[in-house]
N, C-alpha and C. Protein backbone atom coordinates (compact mmCIF):
# COMPACT_ATOMS: atom_id res chain seq x y z
N MET A 1 126.88 -103.80 53.63
CA MET A 1 128.17 -103.50 54.32
C MET A 1 129.04 -104.98 54.76
N ASP A 2 130.19 -105.00 54.50
CA ASP A 2 131.05 -105.98 54.55
C ASP A 2 131.04 -106.25 56.22
N VAL A 3 131.06 -107.57 56.51
CA VAL A 3 131.31 -107.65 58.03
C VAL A 3 132.51 -108.58 58.19
N VAL A 4 133.57 -108.34 59.18
CA VAL A 4 134.91 -109.10 59.37
C VAL A 4 134.52 -109.77 60.80
N ASN A 5 134.78 -111.05 60.78
CA ASN A 5 134.90 -111.85 62.01
C ASN A 5 136.20 -112.28 62.48
N PHE A 6 136.64 -111.81 63.59
CA PHE A 6 137.97 -111.99 64.02
C PHE A 6 137.81 -113.48 65.08
N LEU A 7 138.64 -114.08 65.22
CA LEU A 7 138.95 -115.58 65.93
C LEU A 7 139.78 -115.14 66.97
N SER A 8 139.27 -115.83 68.12
CA SER A 8 140.30 -115.96 69.27
C SER A 8 141.51 -116.63 69.00
N ASP A 9 142.42 -116.40 69.91
CA ASP A 9 143.77 -116.95 69.91
C ASP A 9 143.52 -118.82 69.87
N THR A 10 142.67 -119.17 70.95
CA THR A 10 142.51 -120.67 70.66
C THR A 10 141.83 -121.09 69.50
N GLU A 11 140.61 -120.34 68.89
CA GLU A 11 139.97 -120.88 67.74
C GLU A 11 140.98 -120.83 66.65
N ALA A 12 141.98 -119.75 66.74
CA ALA A 12 142.87 -119.75 65.52
C ALA A 12 144.01 -120.81 65.60
N ASP A 13 144.35 -121.29 66.76
CA ASP A 13 145.08 -122.31 66.80
C ASP A 13 144.63 -123.71 66.38
N SER A 14 143.41 -123.93 66.84
CA SER A 14 142.66 -125.20 66.55
C SER A 14 142.38 -125.17 65.27
N ALA A 15 142.20 -124.14 64.52
CA ALA A 15 141.80 -124.18 63.01
C ALA A 15 143.09 -124.33 62.21
N SER A 16 144.45 -124.00 62.86
CA SER A 16 145.50 -124.15 62.03
C SER A 16 146.05 -125.63 62.22
N ASP A 17 145.71 -126.40 63.56
CA ASP A 17 146.01 -127.80 63.60
C ASP A 17 144.88 -128.59 62.70
N GLN A 18 143.78 -128.23 62.48
CA GLN A 18 143.00 -129.08 61.62
C GLN A 18 143.48 -128.87 60.11
N ALA A 19 143.79 -127.69 59.64
CA ALA A 19 144.54 -127.58 58.57
C ALA A 19 145.85 -128.60 58.20
N THR A 20 146.61 -128.54 59.38
CA THR A 20 147.74 -129.22 59.09
C THR A 20 147.64 -130.72 59.34
N ASP A 21 146.53 -131.23 59.83
CA ASP A 21 146.04 -132.58 59.76
C ASP A 21 145.55 -132.97 58.51
N ARG A 22 144.73 -132.23 57.78
CA ARG A 22 144.52 -132.30 56.43
C ARG A 22 145.45 -132.41 55.55
N ILE A 23 146.45 -131.73 55.59
CA ILE A 23 147.66 -131.78 54.73
C ILE A 23 148.44 -133.04 54.82
N ALA A 24 148.76 -133.50 56.26
CA ALA A 24 149.32 -134.59 56.36
C ALA A 24 148.54 -135.97 55.93
N ASP A 25 147.33 -135.94 55.90
CA ASP A 25 146.46 -136.99 55.44
C ASP A 25 146.01 -137.16 54.07
N SER A 26 146.71 -136.03 53.19
CA SER A 26 146.40 -136.06 51.84
C SER A 26 147.14 -137.15 51.00
N THR A 27 146.63 -137.65 49.91
CA THR A 27 147.35 -138.60 49.13
C THR A 27 148.61 -137.87 48.36
N PRO A 28 149.95 -138.75 48.74
CA PRO A 28 151.05 -138.14 48.06
C PRO A 28 151.00 -138.09 46.50
N GLY A 29 151.62 -136.99 46.20
CA GLY A 29 151.57 -136.47 44.96
C GLY A 29 150.47 -135.65 44.43
N GLN A 30 149.60 -135.44 45.37
CA GLN A 30 148.36 -134.52 45.05
C GLN A 30 148.65 -133.29 45.97
N SER A 31 148.27 -132.30 45.41
CA SER A 31 148.33 -131.15 46.24
C SER A 31 147.19 -131.08 47.22
N PRO A 32 147.61 -130.92 48.59
CA PRO A 32 146.51 -131.29 49.57
C PRO A 32 145.54 -129.90 49.38
N ILE A 33 145.83 -128.80 49.05
CA ILE A 33 145.03 -127.51 49.05
C ILE A 33 145.19 -127.05 47.77
N PRO A 34 144.21 -126.75 47.04
CA PRO A 34 144.19 -126.02 45.71
C PRO A 34 144.97 -124.55 46.17
N LEU A 35 145.66 -124.65 45.18
CA LEU A 35 146.42 -123.14 45.37
C LEU A 35 145.88 -121.98 44.27
N ALA A 36 145.76 -120.92 44.54
CA ALA A 36 145.31 -119.74 43.83
C ALA A 36 146.37 -119.62 42.59
N PRO A 37 146.02 -119.49 41.51
CA PRO A 37 147.10 -119.35 40.23
C PRO A 37 147.90 -118.16 40.67
N GLY A 38 149.16 -118.13 40.72
CA GLY A 38 150.17 -116.99 40.64
C GLY A 38 150.11 -116.19 39.46
N PRO A 39 150.95 -115.23 39.63
CA PRO A 39 151.21 -114.27 38.29
C PRO A 39 151.97 -115.07 37.28
N SER A 40 151.58 -115.07 36.25
CA SER A 40 152.16 -115.86 35.00
C SER A 40 153.42 -114.85 34.40
N SER A 41 154.45 -115.64 34.25
CA SER A 41 155.47 -114.91 33.52
C SER A 41 155.70 -114.82 32.04
N GLY A 42 154.49 -115.60 31.48
CA GLY A 42 154.41 -115.82 30.07
C GLY A 42 154.00 -114.66 29.39
N PRO A 43 153.49 -114.67 28.09
CA PRO A 43 153.09 -113.45 27.37
C PRO A 43 151.78 -113.13 27.64
N THR A 44 150.94 -113.97 28.27
CA THR A 44 149.67 -113.91 28.55
C THR A 44 149.39 -113.17 29.78
N ALA A 45 150.54 -112.65 30.44
CA ALA A 45 150.56 -111.82 31.55
C ALA A 45 150.63 -110.45 31.53
N SER A 46 150.40 -110.01 30.36
CA SER A 46 150.46 -108.41 30.22
C SER A 46 148.99 -108.02 30.71
N ALA A 47 149.39 -106.73 31.23
CA ALA A 47 147.87 -105.84 31.56
C ALA A 47 147.23 -105.81 31.01
N GLN A 48 145.69 -105.78 31.09
CA GLN A 48 144.69 -105.49 30.10
C GLN A 48 144.70 -103.92 30.02
N PRO A 49 144.44 -103.48 28.67
CA PRO A 49 144.53 -101.95 28.73
C PRO A 49 143.33 -101.23 29.34
N SER A 50 143.70 -100.31 30.09
CA SER A 50 142.62 -99.67 30.78
C SER A 50 141.90 -98.55 29.92
N ALA A 51 140.61 -98.46 30.22
CA ALA A 51 139.58 -97.35 29.29
C ALA A 51 140.41 -96.04 29.60
N PRO A 52 140.25 -95.35 28.50
CA PRO A 52 140.62 -94.03 28.58
C PRO A 52 139.76 -93.04 29.45
N ALA A 53 140.36 -92.29 30.12
CA ALA A 53 139.80 -91.43 31.17
C ALA A 53 138.88 -90.39 30.39
N CYS A 54 137.67 -90.30 30.66
CA CYS A 54 136.82 -89.49 30.22
C CYS A 54 136.83 -88.11 30.85
N ALA A 55 136.57 -87.04 30.20
CA ALA A 55 136.57 -85.56 30.75
C ALA A 55 135.24 -85.46 31.55
N VAL A 56 135.56 -84.84 32.78
CA VAL A 56 134.20 -84.55 33.53
C VAL A 56 133.44 -83.62 33.00
N GLN A 57 132.07 -84.03 32.63
CA GLN A 57 131.47 -82.91 32.06
C GLN A 57 130.55 -82.20 33.42
N PRO A 58 130.32 -80.81 33.15
CA PRO A 58 129.44 -80.22 34.18
C PRO A 58 128.14 -80.78 34.23
N GLU A 59 127.79 -81.04 35.57
CA GLU A 59 126.22 -81.65 35.74
C GLU A 59 125.14 -80.90 35.19
N ARG A 60 124.25 -81.37 34.42
CA ARG A 60 122.99 -80.94 33.86
C ARG A 60 121.68 -81.63 34.25
N PHE A 61 120.60 -80.90 34.40
CA PHE A 61 119.52 -81.75 34.99
C PHE A 61 118.41 -81.28 33.76
N GLY A 62 118.65 -80.49 33.01
CA GLY A 62 118.00 -80.31 31.63
C GLY A 62 116.87 -79.17 32.29
N SER A 63 117.34 -78.47 33.27
CA SER A 63 116.15 -77.44 33.84
C SER A 63 116.00 -76.01 33.20
N ALA A 64 117.38 -75.64 32.42
CA ALA A 64 117.19 -74.41 31.70
C ALA A 64 115.95 -74.22 30.64
N PRO A 65 115.81 -74.98 29.78
CA PRO A 65 114.43 -75.00 28.91
C PRO A 65 113.09 -74.77 29.81
N ALA A 66 112.82 -75.33 30.84
CA ALA A 66 111.81 -75.29 31.65
C ALA A 66 111.81 -73.94 32.25
N VAL A 67 113.08 -73.40 32.75
CA VAL A 67 112.86 -71.87 33.36
C VAL A 67 112.84 -70.93 32.22
N LEU A 68 113.16 -71.20 31.05
CA LEU A 68 112.89 -70.11 30.05
C LEU A 68 111.31 -70.09 29.69
N HIS A 69 110.72 -71.42 29.59
CA HIS A 69 109.58 -71.46 29.49
C HIS A 69 108.50 -70.61 30.74
N GLU A 70 109.10 -70.79 31.64
CA GLU A 70 108.28 -70.07 33.10
C GLU A 70 108.56 -68.70 32.97
N ILE A 71 109.76 -68.22 32.47
CA ILE A 71 109.97 -66.93 32.37
C ILE A 71 109.14 -66.17 31.21
N ARG A 72 108.81 -67.00 30.03
CA ARG A 72 108.06 -66.43 29.26
C ARG A 72 106.38 -66.24 29.76
N HIS A 73 106.12 -67.07 30.47
CA HIS A 73 104.80 -67.07 31.02
C HIS A 73 104.73 -65.92 31.94
N ALA A 74 105.75 -65.81 32.67
CA ALA A 74 105.79 -64.79 33.63
C ALA A 74 105.80 -63.30 32.94
N LEU A 75 106.62 -63.24 32.08
CA LEU A 75 106.45 -61.87 31.07
C LEU A 75 105.12 -61.79 30.41
N ALA A 76 104.53 -62.88 30.21
CA ALA A 76 103.24 -62.33 29.71
C ALA A 76 102.22 -61.96 30.72
N ARG A 77 102.38 -62.27 31.89
CA ARG A 77 101.56 -62.37 32.90
C ARG A 77 101.76 -60.69 33.47
N LEU A 78 102.99 -60.36 33.35
CA LEU A 78 103.53 -58.93 33.51
C LEU A 78 102.85 -58.07 32.75
N ILE A 79 102.85 -58.33 31.29
CA ILE A 79 102.01 -57.39 30.48
C ILE A 79 100.49 -57.32 30.44
N GLU A 80 99.99 -58.47 30.82
CA GLU A 80 98.49 -58.44 31.07
C GLU A 80 98.01 -57.79 32.30
N THR A 81 98.76 -58.17 33.59
CA THR A 81 98.29 -57.73 34.65
C THR A 81 99.14 -56.89 35.63
N GLY A 82 100.34 -56.66 35.24
CA GLY A 82 101.35 -55.98 35.80
C GLY A 82 102.12 -56.62 37.26
N GLU A 83 101.55 -57.95 37.44
CA GLU A 83 101.92 -58.89 38.46
C GLU A 83 103.44 -59.26 38.02
N PRO A 84 104.44 -58.96 39.17
CA PRO A 84 105.79 -59.41 38.87
C PRO A 84 105.93 -60.96 39.55
N THR A 85 107.11 -61.58 38.94
CA THR A 85 107.43 -62.86 39.38
C THR A 85 109.08 -63.00 39.73
N CYS A 86 109.12 -63.61 40.60
CA CYS A 86 110.65 -64.01 41.27
C CYS A 86 110.84 -65.49 41.06
N ILE A 87 111.68 -65.92 40.38
CA ILE A 87 112.08 -67.24 40.34
C ILE A 87 113.75 -67.48 41.09
N ASP A 88 113.41 -68.40 42.00
CA ASP A 88 114.81 -68.70 42.86
C ASP A 88 115.33 -69.94 42.20
N LEU A 89 116.64 -69.90 41.77
CA LEU A 89 117.20 -70.80 40.95
C LEU A 89 117.75 -71.82 41.89
N ALA A 90 118.24 -71.24 43.19
CA ALA A 90 118.78 -72.36 44.19
C ALA A 90 117.47 -73.42 44.72
N ALA A 91 116.40 -72.93 44.50
CA ALA A 91 115.25 -73.89 45.00
C ALA A 91 115.02 -75.17 43.82
N LEU A 92 115.82 -74.97 42.60
CA LEU A 92 115.35 -75.89 41.26
C LEU A 92 116.58 -76.82 41.39
N PRO A 93 116.48 -78.09 41.00
CA PRO A 93 117.32 -79.15 40.34
C PRO A 93 118.23 -78.50 39.38
N PHE A 94 119.24 -77.62 39.66
CA PHE A 94 119.78 -76.76 38.83
C PHE A 94 121.53 -77.00 38.77
N GLY A 95 122.02 -77.77 37.89
CA GLY A 95 123.57 -77.92 37.80
C GLY A 95 124.20 -76.85 37.35
N PRO A 96 125.71 -76.77 37.24
CA PRO A 96 126.47 -75.70 36.71
C PRO A 96 126.06 -75.80 35.26
N SER A 97 126.10 -76.67 34.37
CA SER A 97 125.66 -76.69 33.00
C SER A 97 124.56 -75.97 32.87
N ASP A 98 123.46 -76.21 33.62
CA ASP A 98 122.21 -75.81 33.44
C ASP A 98 122.29 -74.27 33.62
N GLN A 99 122.82 -73.78 34.67
CA GLN A 99 123.09 -72.14 34.65
C GLN A 99 123.74 -71.61 33.60
N GLU A 100 124.86 -72.26 33.06
CA GLU A 100 125.54 -71.66 31.97
C GLU A 100 124.83 -71.69 30.79
N GLN A 101 123.95 -72.53 30.66
CA GLN A 101 122.87 -72.59 29.33
C GLN A 101 122.01 -71.58 29.60
N LEU A 102 121.52 -71.39 30.81
CA LEU A 102 120.22 -70.34 31.06
C LEU A 102 120.95 -68.99 30.90
N LEU A 103 122.13 -68.85 31.53
CA LEU A 103 122.70 -67.32 31.54
C LEU A 103 123.11 -67.02 30.06
N ASP A 104 123.52 -68.04 29.14
CA ASP A 104 123.72 -67.56 27.91
C ASP A 104 122.58 -67.39 27.11
N ALA A 105 121.56 -67.94 27.37
CA ALA A 105 120.35 -67.70 26.41
C ALA A 105 119.56 -66.22 26.99
N LEU A 106 119.84 -65.90 28.30
CA LEU A 106 119.36 -64.52 28.67
C LEU A 106 120.14 -63.43 28.16
N GLY A 107 121.32 -63.54 28.45
CA GLY A 107 122.32 -62.38 27.77
C GLY A 107 122.49 -61.58 28.91
N SER A 108 122.87 -60.30 28.31
CA SER A 108 122.95 -59.10 29.24
C SER A 108 122.57 -57.78 28.40
N GLY A 109 121.72 -57.07 29.14
CA GLY A 109 121.17 -55.80 28.60
C GLY A 109 122.03 -54.82 28.91
N GLU A 110 121.44 -53.41 29.18
CA GLU A 110 122.19 -52.28 29.19
C GLU A 110 122.21 -51.56 30.69
N VAL A 111 121.36 -52.08 31.51
CA VAL A 111 121.03 -51.65 32.83
C VAL A 111 121.84 -52.59 33.82
N ARG A 112 122.65 -51.95 34.67
CA ARG A 112 123.41 -52.82 35.58
C ARG A 112 123.36 -51.80 37.22
N ALA A 113 123.10 -52.68 38.07
CA ALA A 113 123.12 -51.72 39.43
C ALA A 113 123.83 -52.60 40.68
N SER A 114 124.26 -51.82 41.64
CA SER A 114 124.89 -52.77 42.67
C SER A 114 124.51 -52.07 43.94
N ILE A 115 124.10 -52.91 45.07
CA ILE A 115 123.70 -52.74 46.21
C ILE A 115 124.58 -53.15 47.35
N ASP A 116 125.02 -52.46 48.16
CA ASP A 116 126.12 -52.81 49.08
C ASP A 116 125.46 -52.75 50.48
N ALA A 117 124.71 -53.85 50.94
CA ALA A 117 124.31 -54.02 52.35
C ALA A 117 124.28 -55.46 52.88
N LEU A 118 125.25 -55.49 53.90
CA LEU A 118 125.56 -56.85 54.20
C LEU A 118 125.82 -57.81 53.16
N GLY A 119 126.99 -57.31 52.33
CA GLY A 119 127.26 -57.98 51.10
C GLY A 119 126.70 -57.38 49.92
N GLU A 120 127.51 -57.53 48.89
CA GLU A 120 126.97 -56.89 47.59
C GLU A 120 125.87 -57.75 46.74
N THR A 121 124.87 -57.04 46.22
CA THR A 121 123.88 -57.58 45.52
C THR A 121 124.02 -57.06 44.05
N ARG A 122 124.12 -57.67 43.03
CA ARG A 122 124.35 -57.37 41.53
C ARG A 122 122.95 -57.62 40.81
N ILE A 123 122.54 -56.30 40.30
CA ILE A 123 121.30 -56.54 39.42
C ILE A 123 121.84 -56.30 37.91
N GLN A 124 121.38 -57.32 37.05
CA GLN A 124 121.80 -57.10 35.85
C GLN A 124 120.54 -57.43 34.94
N GLU A 125 120.24 -56.38 34.15
CA GLU A 125 119.19 -56.62 33.00
C GLU A 125 119.63 -57.42 32.04
N THR A 126 118.75 -58.57 31.76
CA THR A 126 118.90 -59.40 30.65
C THR A 126 118.90 -58.80 29.32
N ARG A 127 118.79 -59.60 28.02
CA ARG A 127 118.58 -58.89 26.76
C ARG A 127 117.13 -58.77 26.60
N TYR A 128 116.30 -59.27 27.61
CA TYR A 128 114.67 -59.24 27.35
C TYR A 128 114.60 -58.11 28.31
N SER A 129 113.67 -57.32 27.70
CA SER A 129 113.44 -56.09 29.04
C SER A 129 112.30 -56.64 29.77
N GLY A 130 112.61 -56.21 31.15
CA GLY A 130 111.60 -56.99 32.01
C GLY A 130 112.08 -58.01 32.95
N VAL A 131 113.18 -58.45 32.29
CA VAL A 131 113.74 -59.92 32.85
C VAL A 131 115.04 -59.47 33.48
N TRP A 132 115.06 -59.69 34.94
CA TRP A 132 116.46 -59.28 35.56
C TRP A 132 117.01 -60.44 36.19
N LEU A 133 118.26 -60.37 36.24
CA LEU A 133 119.09 -61.49 37.09
C LEU A 133 119.48 -60.72 38.30
N VAL A 134 119.38 -61.37 39.58
CA VAL A 134 119.60 -60.62 40.83
C VAL A 134 120.46 -61.70 41.76
N ASP A 135 121.64 -61.17 41.79
CA ASP A 135 123.01 -62.10 42.47
C ASP A 135 123.04 -61.55 43.80
N TYR A 136 123.04 -62.62 44.83
CA TYR A 136 123.41 -62.21 46.15
C TYR A 136 124.77 -62.71 46.58
N TYR A 137 125.49 -61.85 47.17
CA TYR A 137 126.60 -62.32 47.67
C TYR A 137 126.94 -61.94 49.38
N ASN A 138 127.63 -62.66 49.93
CA ASN A 138 127.70 -62.32 51.37
C ASN A 138 128.92 -61.32 51.54
N THR A 139 129.21 -61.07 52.56
CA THR A 139 130.62 -60.04 52.98
C THR A 139 131.88 -60.84 52.61
N GLU A 140 131.93 -62.07 52.76
CA GLU A 140 132.83 -62.69 52.02
C GLU A 140 133.15 -63.10 50.60
N GLY A 141 132.20 -62.16 49.94
CA GLY A 141 132.13 -62.46 48.37
C GLY A 141 131.76 -63.70 47.86
N GLU A 142 130.96 -64.64 48.50
CA GLU A 142 130.47 -65.63 48.19
C GLU A 142 129.21 -65.80 47.82
N ARG A 143 128.67 -66.29 46.63
CA ARG A 143 127.35 -66.38 46.23
C ARG A 143 126.46 -67.07 47.17
N ILE A 144 125.28 -66.24 47.61
CA ILE A 144 124.44 -67.00 48.47
C ILE A 144 122.98 -67.07 48.02
N GLY A 145 122.78 -66.47 46.77
CA GLY A 145 121.65 -66.68 46.08
C GLY A 145 121.47 -66.09 44.74
N LEU A 146 120.68 -66.80 43.91
CA LEU A 146 120.65 -66.09 42.35
C LEU A 146 119.19 -66.29 42.09
N GLN A 147 118.67 -65.10 41.46
CA GLN A 147 117.27 -65.17 41.34
C GLN A 147 116.93 -64.55 39.98
N ILE A 148 115.84 -64.91 39.45
CA ILE A 148 115.38 -64.06 38.16
C ILE A 148 114.06 -63.34 38.52
N GLU A 149 114.18 -62.05 38.45
CA GLU A 149 113.02 -61.27 38.55
C GLU A 149 112.29 -60.97 37.28
N ILE A 150 110.96 -60.91 37.06
CA ILE A 150 110.30 -60.64 36.00
C ILE A 150 109.41 -59.38 36.62
N ALA A 151 109.84 -58.18 36.05
CA ALA A 151 109.30 -56.88 36.58
C ALA A 151 109.66 -55.93 35.95
N THR A 152 108.89 -54.57 36.03
CA THR A 152 109.35 -53.25 35.19
C THR A 152 110.46 -52.81 35.94
N VAL A 153 110.72 -53.05 37.15
CA VAL A 153 111.73 -52.40 38.04
C VAL A 153 112.03 -53.56 39.14
N PRO A 154 113.17 -54.27 39.40
CA PRO A 154 113.51 -54.94 40.47
C PRO A 154 113.01 -54.61 41.75
N ARG A 155 112.53 -55.53 42.70
CA ARG A 155 112.21 -55.10 44.13
C ARG A 155 113.02 -54.32 44.84
N LEU A 156 114.52 -54.64 44.67
CA LEU A 156 115.38 -53.94 45.53
C LEU A 156 115.58 -52.48 45.10
N LEU A 157 115.15 -52.34 43.81
CA LEU A 157 115.64 -50.86 43.33
C LEU A 157 114.43 -49.84 43.56
N GLN A 158 113.27 -50.55 44.01
CA GLN A 158 111.96 -49.72 44.52
C GLN A 158 112.02 -49.11 45.62
N ALA A 159 111.87 -47.81 45.77
CA ALA A 159 111.64 -47.18 47.05
C ALA A 159 110.66 -47.76 47.84
N PRO A 160 110.51 -48.11 49.05
CA PRO A 160 109.63 -48.51 49.66
C PRO A 160 108.44 -47.41 50.22
N PRO A 161 107.09 -47.57 49.95
CA PRO A 161 106.27 -46.51 50.06
C PRO A 161 106.15 -46.09 51.71
N GLU A 162 106.37 -46.93 52.53
CA GLU A 162 106.48 -46.36 54.08
C GLU A 162 107.66 -45.53 54.23
N GLY A 163 108.69 -45.40 53.31
CA GLY A 163 109.84 -44.69 53.69
C GLY A 163 109.64 -43.33 52.94
N LEU A 164 108.57 -43.06 52.16
CA LEU A 164 108.37 -41.69 51.40
C LEU A 164 108.22 -40.77 52.38
N PRO A 165 107.22 -40.81 53.33
CA PRO A 165 106.91 -39.48 54.05
C PRO A 165 108.20 -39.01 55.02
N ALA A 166 109.09 -40.01 55.45
CA ALA A 166 110.36 -39.44 56.15
C ALA A 166 111.23 -38.89 55.41
N SER A 167 111.10 -39.33 54.09
CA SER A 167 112.09 -38.71 53.01
C SER A 167 111.59 -37.24 52.87
N LEU A 168 110.30 -37.16 52.70
CA LEU A 168 109.73 -35.63 52.32
C LEU A 168 110.06 -34.92 53.63
N ASP A 169 109.96 -35.28 54.73
CA ASP A 169 110.24 -34.46 55.82
C ASP A 169 111.78 -34.10 56.01
N ALA A 170 112.42 -35.09 55.62
CA ALA A 170 113.81 -34.93 55.75
C ALA A 170 114.33 -33.70 54.57
N LEU A 171 113.68 -33.95 53.43
CA LEU A 171 114.10 -32.78 52.42
C LEU A 171 113.40 -31.45 52.79
N ALA A 172 112.26 -31.45 53.44
CA ALA A 172 111.78 -30.14 54.00
C ALA A 172 112.50 -29.46 55.00
N ALA A 173 113.30 -30.35 55.74
CA ALA A 173 114.19 -29.75 56.86
C ALA A 173 115.39 -29.16 56.11
N ARG A 174 116.03 -30.07 55.18
CA ARG A 174 117.20 -29.43 54.52
C ARG A 174 116.85 -28.02 53.71
N LEU A 175 115.58 -28.06 53.10
CA LEU A 175 115.37 -26.73 52.49
C LEU A 175 115.25 -25.57 53.34
N ALA A 176 114.79 -26.10 54.67
CA ALA A 176 114.79 -24.73 55.71
C ALA A 176 116.07 -24.24 55.95
N THR A 177 117.10 -24.91 55.79
CA THR A 177 118.43 -24.44 56.22
C THR A 177 119.07 -23.71 55.13
N MET A 178 118.59 -23.52 54.02
CA MET A 178 119.09 -23.03 52.88
C MET A 178 118.53 -21.66 52.54
N PRO A 179 119.35 -20.72 52.01
CA PRO A 179 119.15 -19.30 51.79
C PRO A 179 117.65 -19.28 50.87
N SER A 180 117.51 -20.12 49.94
CA SER A 180 116.50 -19.99 49.00
C SER A 180 115.10 -20.71 49.56
N ALA A 181 115.12 -20.83 50.76
CA ALA A 181 113.90 -21.51 51.34
C ALA A 181 112.59 -21.18 51.31
N ASN A 182 112.38 -20.17 50.64
CA ASN A 182 111.16 -19.58 50.30
C ASN A 182 110.28 -20.12 49.39
N PRO A 183 109.40 -21.03 49.54
CA PRO A 183 108.76 -21.78 48.51
C PRO A 183 108.18 -21.04 47.36
N ALA A 184 107.89 -19.61 47.73
CA ALA A 184 107.22 -18.96 46.77
C ALA A 184 108.38 -18.45 45.70
N SER A 185 109.39 -18.50 45.83
CA SER A 185 110.49 -17.98 45.00
C SER A 185 111.33 -19.32 44.46
N PRO A 186 111.61 -19.39 43.45
CA PRO A 186 112.35 -20.31 42.76
C PRO A 186 113.66 -20.52 43.23
N ALA A 187 113.90 -21.86 43.66
CA ALA A 187 115.30 -22.42 44.09
C ALA A 187 116.41 -21.77 43.23
N VAL A 188 116.35 -21.89 41.94
CA VAL A 188 117.42 -21.61 41.05
C VAL A 188 116.77 -20.80 39.77
N SER A 189 117.53 -19.37 39.68
CA SER A 189 116.95 -18.54 38.71
C SER A 189 117.77 -18.81 37.42
N HIS A 190 117.31 -18.64 36.23
CA HIS A 190 117.85 -18.75 35.00
C HIS A 190 117.78 -17.41 34.49
N PRO A 191 118.95 -16.95 34.03
CA PRO A 191 118.87 -15.52 33.38
C PRO A 191 118.12 -15.30 32.06
N GLU A 192 117.76 -16.37 31.33
CA GLU A 192 117.10 -16.31 30.23
C GLU A 192 115.57 -16.90 30.38
N GLY A 193 115.11 -16.93 32.00
CA GLY A 193 114.03 -17.69 32.04
C GLY A 193 114.09 -19.20 32.15
N ASN A 194 112.76 -19.85 32.03
CA ASN A 194 112.76 -21.33 31.97
C ASN A 194 113.21 -21.64 30.87
N PRO A 195 114.50 -22.47 30.75
CA PRO A 195 114.91 -23.32 29.52
C PRO A 195 113.83 -23.91 28.98
N PHE A 196 113.08 -24.58 29.52
CA PHE A 196 112.10 -25.60 29.12
C PHE A 196 111.07 -25.14 28.32
N SER A 197 110.82 -23.64 28.75
CA SER A 197 109.65 -22.98 27.93
C SER A 197 109.92 -22.65 26.45
N ASN A 198 111.10 -22.70 26.25
CA ASN A 198 111.57 -22.33 24.86
C ASN A 198 112.04 -23.72 24.07
N PRO A 199 111.22 -24.19 23.24
CA PRO A 199 111.19 -25.43 22.64
C PRO A 199 112.54 -25.69 22.08
N SER A 200 113.27 -24.59 21.30
CA SER A 200 114.57 -24.64 20.59
C SER A 200 115.82 -25.03 21.58
N VAL A 201 115.33 -24.49 22.76
CA VAL A 201 116.58 -24.65 23.94
C VAL A 201 116.11 -25.99 24.53
N ALA A 202 114.77 -26.54 24.92
CA ALA A 202 114.40 -27.52 25.32
C ALA A 202 114.90 -28.97 24.79
N GLY A 203 115.10 -28.75 23.43
CA GLY A 203 115.15 -29.89 22.56
C GLY A 203 116.73 -30.11 22.11
N SER A 204 117.60 -29.18 22.44
CA SER A 204 118.57 -29.29 22.07
C SER A 204 119.59 -30.04 23.29
N LYS A 205 120.78 -30.65 22.65
CA LYS A 205 121.57 -31.31 23.48
C LYS A 205 123.05 -30.57 23.39
N HIS A 206 123.47 -30.32 24.88
CA HIS A 206 124.77 -29.84 24.94
C HIS A 206 125.75 -31.01 25.28
N HIS A 207 127.03 -30.86 24.70
CA HIS A 207 128.16 -31.77 24.82
C HIS A 207 129.35 -31.06 25.32
N GLY A 208 129.96 -31.72 26.21
CA GLY A 208 131.12 -31.12 26.53
C GLY A 208 131.20 -30.92 27.99
C-alpha cells in the first residue's frame, strides 16, 4: 500500500527556503536542479503502439472432464447397486466455459419436466439414460442451483412414501361420493367387455 506523508505549513516553508538557497549557491551556467526531460517535439516523440485488445474468454477451470468421469462412475454404480448420485455443480470450481462444455457433452434427451414450488425447477433428461439435469430458479427467475442426478427417476419426481397412505384415503373418500362407489361393480363398463382381454383389440392403436 502506498503511504502519502503531508507536511505542515511550517515544514513546507522551511523546505522551500532550503531549495531556494541551493539554487542561489549553485555555480553559474549550471542547472542547479536536474530537470526531468519534457516531451520532445522531434520524430522520436511518437507514441508507442499499444498491444491489440484481446477478446475476453469465458473462465474455464478444466472441471468438465472430471465431472464426466464422475458421472460415468456414478452410472456404473447405479447399474450395479441401484444407488443414486447427486452432483452439485455449485460446489465445484466451475467456470462458465466449463458449464458450456459439460452441457454440450451431455446433450438433451426426450424427457422434460417442470415443478412450480417457490420458484421453477426444470428437470431435463440428458442423451444418457439415467443422467438428469436439475435446474433450480427462485421466484424472480434467477438460477439458484444446478445439479446432475444419476438415477432411474429424479428425486423430485418420486412420490414420497410417507404421503401414499394419505393419497389412498383421499381417493377412497372421492370414490365414496361417486355413483359407482360399489367396489364389487366395475367403475366403467365396456359394451364389448374388457378390451384388454381381446389380443386383437389390446394390441391395436387408435389415432384421431
